[in-house]
Amino acid sequence: MDKVSKYQNIIVEYLTEWANFGTPPPGLEHQVIVDRENNHFQWVTTGWLQNKEFVYIIELHLDIKGQKIWIWQNNSDAMVADDLMERGVSKSDIVLAFHAPQDRALTGFAVA
């Protein structure tokens, strides 16, 4: 299995575990959105809270660019980079994309 396929599987399994952890409030649902062809992966929470307030939250958004995992968004309690490393992803293959490009070198993770 090549690195990209391995990373795709790790991400899908990871997002699915988080999406299945706990039960969302009534009217909301967790969805895992997977686009393996373009390497885009999200866990979102969506629906109507008490039939009054529309909710659409991107809980986690990860992409694979080249041979690296880019973490774009984390609105969860997950320690995504640490969790990915525990699953076999090298620290040098993780980009904390939510940091400005000039600041990424300070994170200890990949710059791009």
C-alpha atoms as a PDB file:
ATOM      1  CA  MET A   1       0.000   0.000   0.000  1.00  0.00           C
ATOM      2  CA  ASP A   2       1.414   3.392  -0.931  1.00  0.00           C
ATOM      3  CA  LYS A   3       1.724   6.242   1.559  1.00  0.00           C
ATOM      4  CA  VAL A   4      -1.293   8.206   0.278  1.00  0.00           C
ATOM      5  CA  SER A   5      -3.600   5.186   0.490  1.00  0.00           C
ATOM      6  CA  LYS A   6      -2.295   4.438   3.974  1.00  0.00           C
ATOM      7  CA  TYR A   7      -2.925   8.040   5.053  1.00  0.00           C
ATOM      8  CA  GLN A   8      -6.398   8.016   3.491  1.00  0.00           C
ATOM      9  CA  ASN A   9      -7.304   4.925   5.511  1.00  0.00           C
ATOM     10  CA  ILE A  10      -5.895   6.393   8.720  1.00  0.00           C
ATOM     11  CA  ILE A  11      -7.838   9.642   8.258  1.00  0.00           C
ATOM     12  CA  VAL A  12     -11.160   7.961   7.411  1.00  0.00           C
ATOM     13  CA  GLU A  13     -10.881   5.613  10.376  1.00  0.00           C
ATOM     14  CA  TYR A  14      -9.924   8.499  12.665  1.00  0.00           C
ATOM     15  CA  LEU A  15     -12.757  10.803  11.556  1.00  0.00           C
ATOM     16  CA  THR A  16     -15.268   7.978  11.773  1.00  0.00           C
ATOM     17  CA  GLU A  17     -14.224   7.191  15.336  1.00  0.00           C
ATOM     18  CA  TRP A  18     -14.645  10.817  16.360  1.00  0.00           C
ATOM     19  CA  ALA A  19     -17.978  11.168  14.555  1.00  0.00           C
ATOM     20  CA  ASN A  20     -19.283   8.062  16.341  1.00  0.00           C
ATOM     21  CA  PHE A  21     -18.042   9.191  19.756  1.00  0.00           C
ATOM     22  CA  GLY A  22     -20.985  10.350  21.817  1.00  0.00           C
ATOM     23  CA  THR A  23     -24.405  11.334  20.592  1.00  0.00           C
ATOM     24  CA  PRO A  24     -25.126  14.733  19.091  1.00  0.00           C
ATOM     25  CA  PRO A  25     -28.029  16.742  20.501  1.00  0.00           C
ATOM     26  CA  PRO A  26     -31.476  15.930  19.073  1.00  0.00           C
ATOM     27  CA  GLY A  27     -31.899  17.316  15.569  1.00  0.00           C
ATOM     28  CA  LEU A  28     -28.174  17.233  14.802  1.00  0.00           C
ATOM     29  CA  GLU A  29     -26.105  14.570  13.111  1.00  0.00           C
ATOM     30  CA  HIS A  30     -22.428  13.888  12.564  1.00  0.00           C
ATOM     31  CA  GLN A  31     -21.276  13.246   9.019  1.00  0.00           C
ATOM     32  CA  VAL A  32     -17.932  12.069   7.710  1.00  0.00           C
ATOM     33  CA  ILE A  33     -17.294  13.436   4.233  1.00  0.00           C
ATOM     34  CA  VAL A  34     -14.700  11.520   2.239  1.00  0.00           C
ATOM     35  CA  ASP A  35     -13.327  12.446  -1.174  1.00  0.00           C
ATOM     36  CA  ARG A  36     -10.490   9.989  -1.773  1.00  0.00           C
ATOM     37  CA  GLU A  37     -10.042  11.065  -5.392  1.00  0.00           C
ATOM     38  CA  ASN A  38      -9.187  14.657  -4.411  1.00  0.00           C
ATOM     39  CA  ASN A  39      -7.932  13.831  -0.884  1.00  0.00           C
ATOM     40  CA  HIS A  40     -10.390  15.956   1.093  1.00  0.00           C
ATOM     41  CA  PHE A  41     -11.761  14.686   4.415  1.00  0.00           C
ATOM     42  CA  GLN A  42     -14.156  16.299   6.904  1.00  0.00           C
ATOM     43  CA  TRP A  43     -16.209  15.504   9.954  1.00  0.00           C
ATOM     44  CA  VAL A  44     -19.140  17.912  10.199  1.00  0.00           C
ATOM     45  CA  THR A  45     -22.061  18.365  12.548  1.00  0.00           C
ATOM     46  CA  THR A  46     -25.221  19.621  10.899  1.00  0.00           C
ATOM     47  CA  GLY A  47     -28.963  19.895  11.380  1.00  0.00           C
ATOM     48  CA  TRP A  48     -31.497  21.977  13.260  1.00  0.00           C
ATOM     49  CA  LEU A  49     -31.088  22.548  16.978  1.00  0.00           C
ATOM     50  CA  GLN A  50     -34.510  22.447  18.637  1.00  0.00           C
ATOM     51  CA  ASN A  51     -36.002  23.106  15.166  1.00  0.00           C
ATOM     52  CA  LYS A  52     -34.956  26.763  15.536  1.00  0.00           C
ATOM     53  CA  GLU A  53     -31.271  27.169  14.833  1.00  0.00           C
ATOM     54  CA  PHE A  54     -29.460  25.798  11.798  1.00  0.00           C
ATOM     55  CA  VAL A  55     -26.112  24.278  12.696  1.00  0.00           C
ATOM     56  CA  TYR A  56     -23.228  23.524  10.343  1.00  0.00           C
ATOM     57  CA  ILE A  57     -19.893  23.028  12.060  1.00  0.00           C
ATOM     58  CA  ILE A  58     -16.744  21.741  10.418  1.00  0.00           C
ATOM     59  CA  GLU A  59     -15.380  19.765  13.344  1.00  0.00           C
ATOM     60  CA  LEU A  60     -12.271  18.502  11.544  1.00  0.00           C
ATOM     61  CA  HIS A  61     -10.960  19.155   8.039  1.00  0.00           C
ATOM     62  CA  LEU A  62      -7.899  17.358   6.707  1.00  0.00           C
ATOM     63  CA  ASP A  63      -6.449  17.111   3.216  1.00  0.00           C
ATOM     64  CA  ILE A  64      -3.618  15.124   1.720  1.00  0.00           C
ATOM     65  CA  LYS A  65      -1.388  17.230  -0.502  1.00  0.00           C
ATOM     66  CA  GLY A  66       1.473  15.382  -2.112  1.00  0.00           C
ATOM     67  CA  GLN A  67       2.500  12.940   0.600  1.00  0.00           C
ATOM     68  CA  LYS A  68       1.544  15.073   3.610  1.00  0.00           C
ATOM     69  CA  ILE A  69      -1.553  15.478   5.739  1.00  0.00           C
ATOM     70  CA  TRP A  70      -2.702  19.082   6.081  1.00  0.00           C
ATOM     71  CA  ILE A  71      -4.830  19.863   9.131  1.00  0.00           C
ATOM     72  CA  TRP A  72      -6.977  22.847   8.141  1.00  0.00           C
ATOM     73  CA  GLN A  73      -9.538  22.974  10.921  1.00  0.00           C
ATOM     74  CA  ASN A  74     -10.016  21.505  14.370  1.00  0.00           C
ATOM     75  CA  ASN A  75     -13.126  22.536  16.284  1.00  0.00           C
ATOM     76  CA  SER A  76     -13.036  19.418  18.434  1.00  0.00           C
ATOM     77  CA  ASP A  77     -11.224  18.322  21.557  1.00  0.00           C
ATOM     78  CA  ALA A  78      -9.050  16.029  19.444  1.00  0.00           C
ATOM     79  CA  MET A  79      -5.280  16.335  19.520  1.00  0.00           C
ATOM     80  CA  VAL A  80      -5.223  15.514  15.833  1.00  0.00           C
ATOM     81  CA  ALA A  81      -1.497  15.723  15.102  1.00  0.00           C
ATOM     82  CA  ASP A  82      -0.608  13.644  18.164  1.00  0.00           C
ATOM     83  CA  ASP A  83      -3.314  11.109  17.361  1.00  0.00           C
ATOM     84  CA  LEU A  84      -2.123  10.781  13.756  1.00  0.00           C
ATOM     85  CA  MET A  85       1.452  10.218  14.911  1.00  0.00           C
ATOM     86  CA  GLU A  86       0.232   7.455  17.252  1.00  0.00           C
ATOM     87  CA  ARG A  87      -1.330   5.836  14.185  1.00  0.00           C
ATOM     88  CA  GLY A  88       1.941   5.849  12.269  1.00  0.00           C
ATOM     89  CA  VAL A  89       2.037   9.218  10.509  1.00  0.00           C
ATOM     90  CA  SER A  90       5.449  10.836  10.641  1.00  0.00           C
ATOM     91  CA  LYS A  91       5.629  14.289  12.261  1.00  0.00           C
ATOM     92  CA  SER A  92       7.393  15.479   9.106  1.00  0.00           C
ATOM     93  CA  ASP A  93       4.279  14.487   7.101  1.00  0.00           C
ATOM     94  CA  ILE A  94       1.861  16.658   9.095  1.00  0.00           C
ATOM     95  CA  VAL A  95       1.245  20.313   8.218  1.00  0.00           C
ATOM     96  CA  LEU A  96      -0.626  22.496  10.709  1.00  0.00           C
ATOM     97  CA  ALA A  97      -2.266  24.467   7.912  1.00  0.00           C
ATOM     98  CA  PHE A  98      -4.225  26.687  10.307  1.00  0.00           C
ATOM     99  CA  HIS A  99      -0.919  28.386  11.194  1.00  0.00           C
ATOM    100  CA  ALA A 100       0.343  31.111   8.870  1.00  0.00           C
ATOM    101  CA  PRO A 101       2.984  29.772   6.442  1.00  0.00           C
ATOM    102  CA  GLN A 102       5.719  31.912   8.003  1.00  0.00           C
ATOM    103  CA  ASP A 103       4.910  30.534  11.481  1.00  0.00           C
ATOM    104  CA  ARG A 104       4.798  26.816  10.616  1.00  0.00           C
ATOM    105  CA  ALA A 105       8.541  26.360  11.089  1.00  0.00           C
ATOM    106  CA  LEU A 106       8.009  27.171  14.772  1.00  0.00           C
ATOM    107  CA  THR A 107       5.558  24.265  15.248  1.00  0.00           C
ATOM    108  CA  GLY A 108       8.007  21.397  14.836  1.00  0.00           C
ATOM    109  CA  PHE A 109       5.807  19.928  12.104  1.00  0.00           C
ATOM    110  CA  ALA A 110       6.125  20.135   8.324  1.00  0.00           C
ATOM    111  CA  VAL A 111       6.066  23.601   6.780  1.00  0.00           C
ATOM    112  CA  ALA A 112       4.413  22.543   3.533  1.00  0.00           C
END
